[in-house]
């Protein structure tokens, strides 16, 4: 269920970054901030369990950043 939500957020950010590159940064930062909270919370668990619990949030943060930058990069390649 969480994976579907992250994929949906990434798609929305990709389209938003392509259509309105300047206005896509705020939602992207907000999403990354929320996922960072999950990373920090999961990382507080002791030992390897902390790394295991925080990893999905870290990889989701990367995916959100990549989808936003890919949309802006695609928009930058347009001739107009």
Protein backbone atom coordinates (compact mmCIF):
# COMPACT_ATOMS: atom_id res chain seq x y z
CA UNK A 1 0.00 0.00 0.00
CA UNK A 2 2.81 2.38 0.86
CA UNK A 3 4.61 1.55 -2.38
CA UNK A 4 1.54 2.48 -4.41
CA UNK A 5 1.32 5.79 -2.53
CA UNK A 6 4.98 6.64 -3.17
CA UNK A 7 4.64 5.75 -6.86
CA UNK A 8 1.55 7.97 -7.07
CA UNK A 9 3.34 10.87 -5.40
CA UNK A 10 6.30 10.45 -7.75
CA UNK A 11 4.03 10.50 -10.80
CA UNK A 12 2.21 13.60 -9.59
CA UNK A 13 5.52 15.35 -8.95
CA UNK A 14 6.85 14.30 -12.35
CA UNK A 15 3.84 15.78 -14.15
CA UNK A 16 3.82 18.88 -11.94
CA UNK A 17 7.55 19.44 -12.53
CA UNK A 18 7.05 19.07 -16.27
CA UNK A 19 4.10 21.43 -16.46
CA UNK A 20 5.11 23.98 -13.82
CA UNK A 21 8.80 23.55 -12.93
CA UNK A 22 8.99 26.48 -10.55
CA UNK A 23 5.91 25.51 -8.58
CA UNK A 24 6.91 21.87 -8.23
CA UNK A 25 9.71 22.56 -5.76
CA UNK A 26 7.50 23.31 -2.78
CA UNK A 27 5.49 20.05 -2.93
CA UNK A 28 8.70 18.13 -3.57
CA UNK A 29 10.39 19.62 -0.51
CA UNK A 30 7.32 19.02 1.63
CA UNK A 31 7.20 15.37 0.61
CA UNK A 32 10.90 14.94 1.26
CA UNK A 33 10.53 16.59 4.64
CA UNK A 34 7.75 14.19 5.62
CA UNK A 35 9.75 11.20 4.45
CA UNK A 36 12.78 12.51 6.31
CA UNK A 37 10.72 12.45 9.48
CA UNK A 38 10.01 8.77 8.87
CA UNK A 39 13.71 8.14 8.25
CA UNK A 40 14.71 9.81 11.50
CA UNK A 41 12.01 8.03 13.47
CA UNK A 42 12.89 4.63 12.03
CA UNK A 43 16.58 5.25 12.58
CA UNK A 44 16.06 5.64 16.32
CA UNK A 45 15.49 1.91 16.69
CA UNK A 46 18.56 0.15 18.07
CA UNK A 47 21.22 -1.43 15.86
CA UNK A 48 20.50 -3.00 12.50
CA UNK A 49 16.77 -2.72 13.09
CA UNK A 50 17.08 1.08 12.86
CA UNK A 51 18.79 0.86 9.47
CA UNK A 52 16.20 -1.64 8.28
CA UNK A 53 13.27 0.54 9.34
CA UNK A 54 14.67 3.77 7.90
CA UNK A 55 15.74 2.37 4.52
CA UNK A 56 12.30 2.48 2.79
CA UNK A 57 11.95 6.15 3.70
CA UNK A 58 15.44 6.97 2.42
CA UNK A 59 14.84 5.26 -0.90
CA UNK A 60 11.45 6.97 -1.19
CA UNK A 61 13.12 10.34 -0.62
CA UNK A 62 15.54 9.59 -3.44
CA UNK A 63 12.70 8.55 -5.75
CA UNK A 64 10.76 11.76 -5.06
CA UNK A 65 13.83 13.88 -5.77
CA UNK A 66 14.60 12.00 -8.97
CA UNK A 67 11.06 12.27 -10.32
CA UNK A 68 10.93 16.01 -9.70
CA UNK A 69 14.30 16.62 -11.29
CA UNK A 70 13.42 14.38 -14.25
CA UNK A 71 10.28 16.42 -14.93
CA UNK A 72 12.19 19.68 -14.80
CA UNK A 73 14.98 18.26 -16.95
CA UNK A 74 12.43 17.06 -19.54
CA UNK A 75 10.79 20.46 -19.60
CA UNK A 76 14.18 22.09 -20.12
CA UNK A 77 14.75 20.05 -23.28
CA UNK A 78 11.63 21.37 -24.98
CA UNK A 79 12.25 23.83 -27.81
CA UNK A 80 9.86 26.47 -26.43
